[in-house]
Amino acid sequence: MSLYNYPGELVRWLCAMDIGCAIIYGVFCATCFGAEKILSAGRLPIVFLVTAMMCQRAEKYWAYVVLHSIWHALSAALMLDFLLAQ
């Protein structure tokens, strides 16, 4: 069963919130630090995010959880790196 088809309304809401937060995070970073810098320095986190999304769509949920967690850690580290460089 796909996560988006799960009967729990809470799961669908959490997925939507996670996607919304990721978009806001990307826009914030691009606004503060420049889109070029984000796209060049953020390649690795973006690879993990896209791969996690592909695993979710393929209903490989353990892989999704692991890769999505790595994305969260790498994107937080990227933000820290940008903030410390200021």
N, C-alpha and C. Protein backbone atom coordinates (compact mmCIF):
# COMPACT_ATOMS: atom_id res chain seq x y z
N MET A 1 0.85 -1.18 0.00
CA MET A 1 0.00 0.00 0.00
C MET A 1 0.89 1.24 0.00
N SER A 2 0.62 2.16 -0.88
CA SER A 2 1.38 3.39 -0.95
C SER A 2 1.10 4.24 0.27
N LEU A 3 2.10 4.98 0.69
CA LEU A 3 1.95 5.86 1.85
C LEU A 3 0.87 6.89 1.62
N TYR A 4 0.73 7.35 0.39
CA TYR A 4 -0.30 8.35 0.08
C TYR A 4 -1.71 7.75 0.11
N ASN A 5 -1.82 6.43 -0.03
CA ASN A 5 -3.13 5.78 0.02
C ASN A 5 -3.44 5.24 1.40
N TYR A 6 -2.56 5.47 2.35
CA TYR A 6 -2.77 4.97 3.71
C TYR A 6 -4.04 5.58 4.28
N PRO A 7 -4.85 4.80 4.98
CA PRO A 7 -6.13 5.33 5.46
C PRO A 7 -6.01 6.47 6.46
N GLY A 8 -4.88 6.60 7.11
CA GLY A 8 -4.74 7.65 8.12
C GLY A 8 -4.57 9.03 7.50
N GLU A 9 -5.46 9.93 7.83
CA GLU A 9 -5.38 11.31 7.33
C GLU A 9 -4.11 11.99 7.84
N LEU A 10 -3.67 11.61 9.02
CA LEU A 10 -2.47 12.21 9.61
C LEU A 10 -1.23 11.96 8.75
N VAL A 11 -1.10 10.75 8.20
CA VAL A 11 0.07 10.42 7.38
C VAL A 11 0.09 11.29 6.12
N ARG A 12 -1.03 11.46 5.48
CA ARG A 12 -1.08 12.31 4.28
C ARG A 12 -0.74 13.75 4.63
N TRP A 13 -1.24 14.22 5.78
CA TRP A 13 -0.97 15.58 6.22
C TRP A 13 0.53 15.75 6.51
N LEU A 14 1.14 14.77 7.18
CA LEU A 14 2.57 14.85 7.49
C LEU A 14 3.42 14.84 6.22
N CYS A 15 3.04 14.04 5.25
CA CYS A 15 3.78 14.01 3.97
C CYS A 15 3.69 15.37 3.27
N ALA A 16 2.50 15.94 3.26
CA ALA A 16 2.33 17.26 2.64
C ALA A 16 3.13 18.32 3.37
N MET A 17 3.16 18.26 4.70
CA MET A 17 3.92 19.23 5.48
C MET A 17 5.41 19.08 5.24
N ASP A 18 5.88 17.84 5.12
CA ASP A 18 7.30 17.59 4.88
C ASP A 18 7.72 18.15 3.53
N ILE A 19 6.91 17.95 2.51
CA ILE A 19 7.20 18.48 1.19
C ILE A 19 7.17 20.01 1.21
N GLY A 20 6.18 20.57 1.87
CA GLY A 20 6.09 22.02 1.98
C GLY A 20 7.28 22.62 2.69
N CYS A 21 7.71 21.99 3.77
CA CYS A 21 8.88 22.48 4.50
C CYS A 21 10.15 22.38 3.66
N ALA A 22 10.29 21.32 2.89
CA ALA A 22 11.46 21.18 2.02
C ALA A 22 11.50 22.29 0.97
N ILE A 23 10.35 22.62 0.42
CA ILE A 23 10.29 23.70 -0.58
C ILE A 23 10.63 25.03 0.07
N ILE A 24 10.06 25.30 1.23
CA ILE A 24 10.35 26.56 1.93
C ILE A 24 11.82 26.64 2.31
N TYR A 25 12.40 25.52 2.75
CA TYR A 25 13.82 25.47 3.09
C TYR A 25 14.68 25.82 1.87
N GLY A 26 14.36 25.23 0.73
CA GLY A 26 15.12 25.51 -0.49
C GLY A 26 15.01 26.96 -0.92
N VAL A 27 13.82 27.51 -0.86
CA VAL A 27 13.61 28.92 -1.23
C VAL A 27 14.36 29.83 -0.25
N PHE A 28 14.29 29.52 1.04
CA PHE A 28 15.00 30.31 2.04
C PHE A 28 16.50 30.30 1.79
N CYS A 29 17.07 29.12 1.58
CA CYS A 29 18.51 29.01 1.33
C CYS A 29 18.91 29.75 0.05
N ALA A 30 18.12 29.59 -1.00
CA ALA A 30 18.43 30.26 -2.26
C ALA A 30 18.35 31.77 -2.11
N THR A 31 17.39 32.26 -1.32
CA THR A 31 17.24 33.70 -1.10
C THR A 31 18.40 34.25 -0.28
N CYS A 32 18.77 33.53 0.76
CA CYS A 32 19.81 34.02 1.66
C CYS A 32 21.22 33.85 1.11
N PHE A 33 21.48 32.75 0.45
CA PHE A 33 22.84 32.42 0.06
C PHE A 33 23.07 32.37 -1.44
N GLY A 34 22.03 32.52 -2.23
CA GLY A 34 22.16 32.49 -3.68
C GLY A 34 21.87 31.12 -4.25
N ALA A 35 21.11 31.11 -5.32
CA ALA A 35 20.70 29.85 -5.95
C ALA A 35 21.89 29.06 -6.48
N GLU A 36 22.89 29.76 -7.03
CA GLU A 36 24.06 29.06 -7.56
C GLU A 36 24.80 28.31 -6.48
N LYS A 37 24.99 28.96 -5.34
CA LYS A 37 25.70 28.32 -4.23
C LYS A 37 24.92 27.13 -3.70
N ILE A 38 23.62 27.27 -3.62
CA ILE A 38 22.78 26.18 -3.12
C ILE A 38 22.84 24.98 -4.08
N LEU A 39 22.73 25.26 -5.36
CA LEU A 39 22.73 24.16 -6.34
C LEU A 39 24.08 23.47 -6.43
N SER A 40 25.17 24.21 -6.25
CA SER A 40 26.48 23.57 -6.32
C SER A 40 26.82 22.86 -5.01
N ALA A 41 26.60 23.49 -3.87
CA ALA A 41 26.95 22.88 -2.59
C ALA A 41 25.92 21.85 -2.15
N GLY A 42 24.69 21.98 -2.62
CA GLY A 42 23.62 21.11 -2.16
C GLY A 42 23.35 19.91 -3.04
N ARG A 43 24.29 19.57 -3.89
CA ARG A 43 24.05 18.43 -4.80
C ARG A 43 23.82 17.13 -4.05
N LEU A 44 24.66 16.85 -3.07
CA LEU A 44 24.55 15.58 -2.35
C LEU A 44 23.23 15.46 -1.59
N PRO A 45 22.83 16.49 -0.81
CA PRO A 45 21.51 16.38 -0.17
C PRO A 45 20.37 16.22 -1.17
N ILE A 46 20.45 16.91 -2.30
CA ILE A 46 19.39 16.82 -3.30
C ILE A 46 19.33 15.41 -3.89
N VAL A 47 20.48 14.79 -4.10
CA VAL A 47 20.51 13.41 -4.61
C VAL A 47 19.80 12.48 -3.63
N PHE A 48 20.08 12.64 -2.33
CA PHE A 48 19.42 11.80 -1.33
C PHE A 48 17.92 12.06 -1.29
N LEU A 49 17.51 13.32 -1.41
CA LEU A 49 16.09 13.65 -1.39
C LEU A 49 15.37 13.03 -2.58
N VAL A 50 15.91 13.18 -3.77
CA VAL A 50 15.27 12.64 -4.97
C VAL A 50 15.24 11.11 -4.92
N THR A 51 16.34 10.50 -4.47
CA THR A 51 16.38 9.04 -4.38
C THR A 51 15.36 8.54 -3.35
N ALA A 52 15.24 9.25 -2.24
CA ALA A 52 14.24 8.87 -1.23
C ALA A 52 12.84 8.97 -1.80
N MET A 53 12.57 10.01 -2.57
CA MET A 53 11.25 10.16 -3.19
C MET A 53 10.96 9.02 -4.16
N MET A 54 11.99 8.60 -4.91
CA MET A 54 11.81 7.48 -5.83
C MET A 54 11.52 6.19 -5.07
N CYS A 55 12.19 5.99 -3.93
CA CYS A 55 11.93 4.80 -3.12
C CYS A 55 10.52 4.83 -2.55
N GLN A 56 10.06 6.02 -2.15
CA GLN A 56 8.71 6.13 -1.62
C GLN A 56 7.68 5.76 -2.69
N ARG A 57 7.87 6.29 -3.89
CA ARG A 57 6.94 5.98 -4.97
C ARG A 57 6.95 4.50 -5.32
N ALA A 58 8.12 3.86 -5.17
CA ALA A 58 8.24 2.43 -5.47
C ALA A 58 7.83 1.57 -4.27
N GLU A 59 7.34 2.21 -3.21
CA GLU A 59 6.87 1.55 -2.00
C GLU A 59 7.98 0.76 -1.31
N LYS A 60 9.20 1.25 -1.39
CA LYS A 60 10.35 0.70 -0.65
C LYS A 60 10.55 1.60 0.56
N TYR A 61 9.74 1.37 1.58
CA TYR A 61 9.63 2.33 2.68
C TYR A 61 10.84 2.35 3.60
N TRP A 62 11.50 1.21 3.81
CA TRP A 62 12.70 1.24 4.65
C TRP A 62 13.80 2.05 3.98
N ALA A 63 13.98 1.88 2.70
CA ALA A 63 14.97 2.67 1.97
C ALA A 63 14.59 4.14 1.99
N TYR A 64 13.30 4.42 1.84
CA TYR A 64 12.83 5.80 1.91
C TYR A 64 13.16 6.43 3.25
N VAL A 65 12.88 5.72 4.34
CA VAL A 65 13.13 6.26 5.68
C VAL A 65 14.61 6.55 5.88
N VAL A 66 15.46 5.63 5.48
CA VAL A 66 16.91 5.82 5.66
C VAL A 66 17.41 6.98 4.81
N LEU A 67 17.07 6.98 3.53
CA LEU A 67 17.56 8.03 2.63
C LEU A 67 16.99 9.40 2.98
N HIS A 68 15.74 9.43 3.38
CA HIS A 68 15.12 10.70 3.75
C HIS A 68 15.75 11.24 5.03
N SER A 69 16.08 10.36 5.96
CA SER A 69 16.76 10.78 7.19
C SER A 69 18.15 11.33 6.88
N ILE A 70 18.85 10.69 5.96
CA ILE A 70 20.18 11.19 5.56
C ILE A 70 20.02 12.56 4.92
N TRP A 71 18.98 12.76 4.12
CA TRP A 71 18.73 14.07 3.53
C TRP A 71 18.55 15.13 4.61
N HIS A 72 17.77 14.82 5.63
CA HIS A 72 17.56 15.78 6.71
C HIS A 72 18.88 16.15 7.37
N ALA A 73 19.72 15.16 7.65
CA ALA A 73 21.00 15.41 8.30
C ALA A 73 21.93 16.23 7.40
N LEU A 74 22.01 15.88 6.12
CA LEU A 74 22.88 16.60 5.20
C LEU A 74 22.41 18.03 4.95
N SER A 75 21.10 18.23 4.84
CA SER A 75 20.60 19.58 4.61
C SER A 75 20.81 20.45 5.85
N ALA A 76 20.69 19.87 7.04
CA ALA A 76 20.97 20.63 8.26
C ALA A 76 22.46 20.98 8.34
N ALA A 77 23.33 20.05 7.96
CA ALA A 77 24.76 20.31 7.95
C ALA A 77 25.11 21.40 6.93
N LEU A 78 24.43 21.38 5.80
CA LEU A 78 24.65 22.41 4.77
C LEU A 78 24.25 23.78 5.29
N MET A 79 23.11 23.86 5.96
CA MET A 79 22.66 25.12 6.53
C MET A 79 23.66 25.60 7.58
N LEU A 80 24.14 24.72 8.42
CA LEU A 80 25.13 25.08 9.44
C LEU A 80 26.40 25.62 8.78
N ASP A 81 26.84 24.95 7.74
CA ASP A 81 28.03 25.39 7.01
C ASP A 81 27.83 26.79 6.44
N PHE A 82 26.69 27.06 5.86
CA PHE A 82 26.40 28.38 5.31
C PHE A 82 26.35 29.43 6.41
N LEU A 83 25.73 29.09 7.52
CA LEU A 83 25.60 30.08 8.61
C LEU A 83 26.94 30.37 9.27
N LEU A 84 27.78 29.36 9.42
CA LEU A 84 29.10 29.57 10.02
C LEU A 84 30.01 30.37 9.11
N ALA A 85 29.77 30.30 7.82
CA ALA A 85 30.58 31.05 6.84
C ALA A 85 30.24 32.53 6.82
N GLN A 86 29.11 32.90 7.39
CA GLN A 86 28.68 34.30 7.38
C GLN A 86 29.51 35.15 8.31
